[in-house]
N, C-alpha and C. Protein backbone atom coordinates (compact mmCIF):
# COMPACT_ATOMS: atom_id res chain seq x y z
N MET A 1 78.44 108.41 93.27
CA MET A 1 80.20 107.96 93.45
C MET A 1 81.03 107.93 91.69
N ILE A 2 82.00 108.62 91.87
CA ILE A 2 82.39 108.94 90.94
C ILE A 2 84.07 107.78 90.44
N THR A 3 84.48 107.59 89.31
CA THR A 3 85.54 107.10 88.95
C THR A 3 86.78 108.30 89.04
N VAL A 4 87.76 107.96 89.41
CA VAL A 4 88.66 109.25 89.25
C VAL A 4 89.52 108.70 88.05
N LEU A 5 90.20 109.71 87.28
CA LEU A 5 91.05 109.28 86.56
C LEU A 5 92.33 110.10 86.89
N ILE A 6 93.53 109.32 86.68
CA ILE A 6 94.43 110.03 87.05
C ILE A 6 96.15 109.59 86.16
N ARG A 7 96.16 110.70 85.25
CA ARG A 7 97.03 110.92 84.44
C ARG A 7 98.68 110.81 85.32
N VAL A 8 99.30 109.74 84.92
CA VAL A 8 100.77 109.50 85.54
C VAL A 8 102.15 110.17 84.02
N GLU A 9 102.22 111.59 85.07
CA GLU A 9 103.29 111.95 84.44
C GLU A 9 104.42 112.51 84.78
N HIS A 10 104.53 112.23 86.34
CA HIS A 10 105.62 112.32 87.51
C HIS A 10 106.15 111.77 87.67
N GLY A 11 105.71 110.32 87.64
CA GLY A 11 106.16 109.39 88.30
C GLY A 11 105.30 108.59 89.74
N ALA A 12 106.02 107.50 89.63
CA ALA A 12 105.20 106.85 91.52
C ALA A 12 105.32 107.33 92.46
N GLU A 13 106.01 108.33 93.02
CA GLU A 13 105.72 109.03 93.98
C GLU A 13 104.30 110.54 93.92
N ALA A 14 104.48 110.89 92.59
CA ALA A 14 103.64 111.46 92.27
C ALA A 14 102.31 110.76 92.79
N LEU A 15 101.95 109.94 92.07
CA LEU A 15 101.18 109.00 91.91
C LEU A 15 100.31 108.53 93.39
N ALA A 16 101.53 108.28 93.77
CA ALA A 16 100.89 108.16 95.26
C ALA A 16 101.10 108.50 95.93
N ALA A 17 101.24 110.04 95.97
CA ALA A 17 100.90 111.05 97.10
C ALA A 17 99.19 111.44 96.66
N THR A 18 99.15 111.45 94.99
CA THR A 18 97.42 111.82 94.54
C THR A 18 96.65 110.47 94.87
N LEU A 19 97.01 109.42 95.11
CA LEU A 19 96.40 108.14 95.46
C LEU A 19 96.08 108.23 96.93
N GLY A 20 96.73 108.79 97.76
CA GLY A 20 96.52 108.93 99.24
C GLY A 20 96.05 109.77 99.14
N SER A 21 95.53 111.38 98.52
CA SER A 21 94.68 112.31 98.59
C SER A 21 93.55 112.22 98.65
N LEU A 22 93.39 110.81 97.95
CA LEU A 22 91.80 110.38 97.50
C LEU A 22 91.06 109.77 98.91
N ILE A 23 92.01 109.33 99.97
CA ILE A 23 91.10 108.03 100.88
C ILE A 23 90.36 108.73 101.54
N PRO A 24 90.20 110.11 101.86
CA PRO A 24 89.28 110.66 102.24
C PRO A 24 88.22 110.61 101.75
N ALA A 25 87.65 110.87 100.66
CA ALA A 25 86.74 110.31 99.83
C ALA A 25 86.25 109.18 99.46
N VAL A 26 87.38 108.79 99.44
CA VAL A 26 86.76 106.80 99.68
C VAL A 26 85.59 106.47 100.63
N VAL A 27 86.56 107.10 101.70
CA VAL A 27 85.87 106.99 103.20
C VAL A 27 84.43 107.38 103.24
N ASP A 28 84.28 108.70 102.72
CA ASP A 28 83.36 108.91 102.80
C ASP A 28 82.16 108.77 101.69
N GLY A 29 82.75 108.21 100.67
CA GLY A 29 82.00 107.29 100.09
C GLY A 29 81.72 107.99 98.45
N LEU A 30 82.34 108.65 98.32
CA LEU A 30 82.49 109.91 97.38
C LEU A 30 83.03 109.24 95.84
N VAL A 31 84.48 108.84 96.36
CA VAL A 31 85.11 108.33 94.84
C VAL A 31 84.67 106.39 95.05
N ALA A 32 84.58 105.95 94.05
CA ALA A 32 84.26 104.50 93.88
C ALA A 32 85.03 103.71 93.27
N ASP A 33 85.92 104.10 92.48
CA ASP A 33 87.30 103.58 92.04
C ASP A 33 88.08 104.46 91.20
N ALA A 34 89.16 104.30 91.00
CA ALA A 34 90.39 104.84 90.16
C ALA A 34 91.50 104.33 88.72
N VAL A 35 91.60 104.84 87.92
CA VAL A 35 91.65 104.38 86.93
C VAL A 35 93.07 105.46 86.86
N VAL A 36 93.98 104.65 86.79
CA VAL A 36 95.47 105.34 86.25
C VAL A 36 96.07 104.94 84.78
N LEU A 37 96.08 106.13 84.55
CA LEU A 37 96.53 106.33 82.96
C LEU A 37 98.00 106.65 82.85
N CYS A 38 98.99 105.95 81.73
CA CYS A 38 100.05 106.10 81.77
C CYS A 38 100.13 106.02 80.28
N SER A 39 101.33 106.47 79.60
CA SER A 39 102.04 106.15 78.36
C SER A 39 102.85 104.73 77.96
N ARG A 40 103.66 104.91 79.55
CA ARG A 40 104.78 103.58 79.44
C ARG A 40 105.20 103.52 81.50
N PRO A 41 104.23 102.48 81.66
CA PRO A 41 104.42 102.16 82.98
C PRO A 41 105.44 101.63 83.25
N ASP A 42 106.00 101.91 84.64
CA ASP A 42 107.48 101.55 85.25
C ASP A 42 106.96 100.32 86.25
N GLU A 43 107.66 99.29 86.75
CA GLU A 43 107.48 98.59 87.63
C GLU A 43 106.48 98.79 88.77
N THR A 44 107.18 100.24 89.42
CA THR A 44 106.86 101.08 90.54
C THR A 44 105.97 101.52 90.45
N VAL A 45 104.96 102.11 89.33
CA VAL A 45 103.51 102.72 88.66
C VAL A 45 102.50 101.36 88.93
N VAL A 46 103.24 100.57 88.22
CA VAL A 46 102.24 99.43 88.44
C VAL A 46 102.53 98.84 90.00
N ALA A 47 103.23 98.52 90.63
CA ALA A 47 102.94 98.25 91.82
C ALA A 47 102.11 99.15 92.71
N VAL A 48 102.22 100.01 92.88
CA VAL A 48 101.35 101.65 93.34
C VAL A 48 99.59 101.14 93.02
N ALA A 49 99.73 101.16 91.52
CA ALA A 49 98.22 100.78 91.38
C ALA A 49 97.55 99.72 91.70
N GLU A 50 98.50 98.49 91.98
CA GLU A 50 98.10 97.18 92.21
C GLU A 50 97.91 97.40 93.90
N ALA A 51 98.74 98.39 94.72
CA ALA A 51 98.39 97.92 95.47
C ALA A 51 97.07 98.75 96.00
N VAL A 52 96.61 99.39 95.62
CA VAL A 52 95.42 100.14 96.19
C VAL A 52 94.21 99.52 95.24
N GLY A 53 94.62 98.97 94.43
CA GLY A 53 93.24 98.07 93.66
C GLY A 53 92.57 99.16 92.25
N ALA A 54 93.66 99.84 91.82
CA ALA A 54 93.23 101.04 90.70
C ALA A 54 93.77 100.19 89.33
N THR A 55 92.85 100.61 88.47
CA THR A 55 93.24 99.97 86.95
C THR A 55 93.99 101.03 86.69
N LEU A 56 95.01 99.91 86.05
CA LEU A 56 96.00 100.59 85.08
C LEU A 56 95.62 100.38 83.40
N SER A 57 95.09 101.30 82.86
CA SER A 57 95.33 101.75 81.42
C SER A 57 96.72 102.43 80.96
N VAL A 58 97.21 101.71 79.39
CA VAL A 58 98.44 102.14 79.13
C VAL A 58 97.95 102.44 77.80
N ALA A 59 98.46 103.58 77.51
CA ALA A 59 98.05 104.29 75.85
C ALA A 59 99.43 105.36 75.82
N PRO A 60 99.92 105.36 74.29
CA PRO A 60 100.43 106.77 73.99
C PRO A 60 99.72 107.84 74.54
N THR A 61 100.88 108.77 74.72
CA THR A 61 99.99 110.46 74.82
C THR A 61 99.14 110.99 74.27
N GLN A 62 99.57 110.70 72.63
CA GLN A 62 98.73 111.26 72.21
C GLN A 62 97.44 110.44 72.32
N GLY A 63 96.99 109.47 72.50
CA GLY A 63 95.82 108.84 72.46
C GLY A 63 94.76 109.22 73.44
N TRP A 64 95.71 109.77 74.57
CA TRP A 64 94.83 110.47 75.64
C TRP A 64 94.31 111.46 75.05
N ARG A 65 94.55 112.47 74.24
CA ARG A 65 94.04 113.57 73.66
C ARG A 65 92.86 113.11 73.01
N GLU A 66 93.09 111.96 72.15
CA GLU A 66 91.81 112.19 71.05
C GLU A 66 90.73 111.60 71.43
N GLY A 67 90.94 110.69 72.87
CA GLY A 67 89.76 110.23 73.74
C GLY A 67 88.72 111.35 74.54
N ALA A 68 89.87 112.32 74.88
CA ALA A 68 89.24 113.30 75.12
C ALA A 68 88.40 114.51 74.34
N ALA A 69 89.09 114.20 73.07
CA ALA A 69 88.58 115.23 72.42
C ALA A 69 86.86 115.20 72.23
């Protein structure tokens, strides 16, 4: 099983579509959980993450680049 990291750059609708596309992988046992990464969450992004049980992690954009290096 894997953990999926999803960086939010295009809003809650794009996040919901991305999470929705992962449902078959969850059902098949390939995806264990999801972590939503964003620099400034709005209420809708928080609600979408909470609705699917994803972990929400907030940090400035520069922080993600440094962490990936």
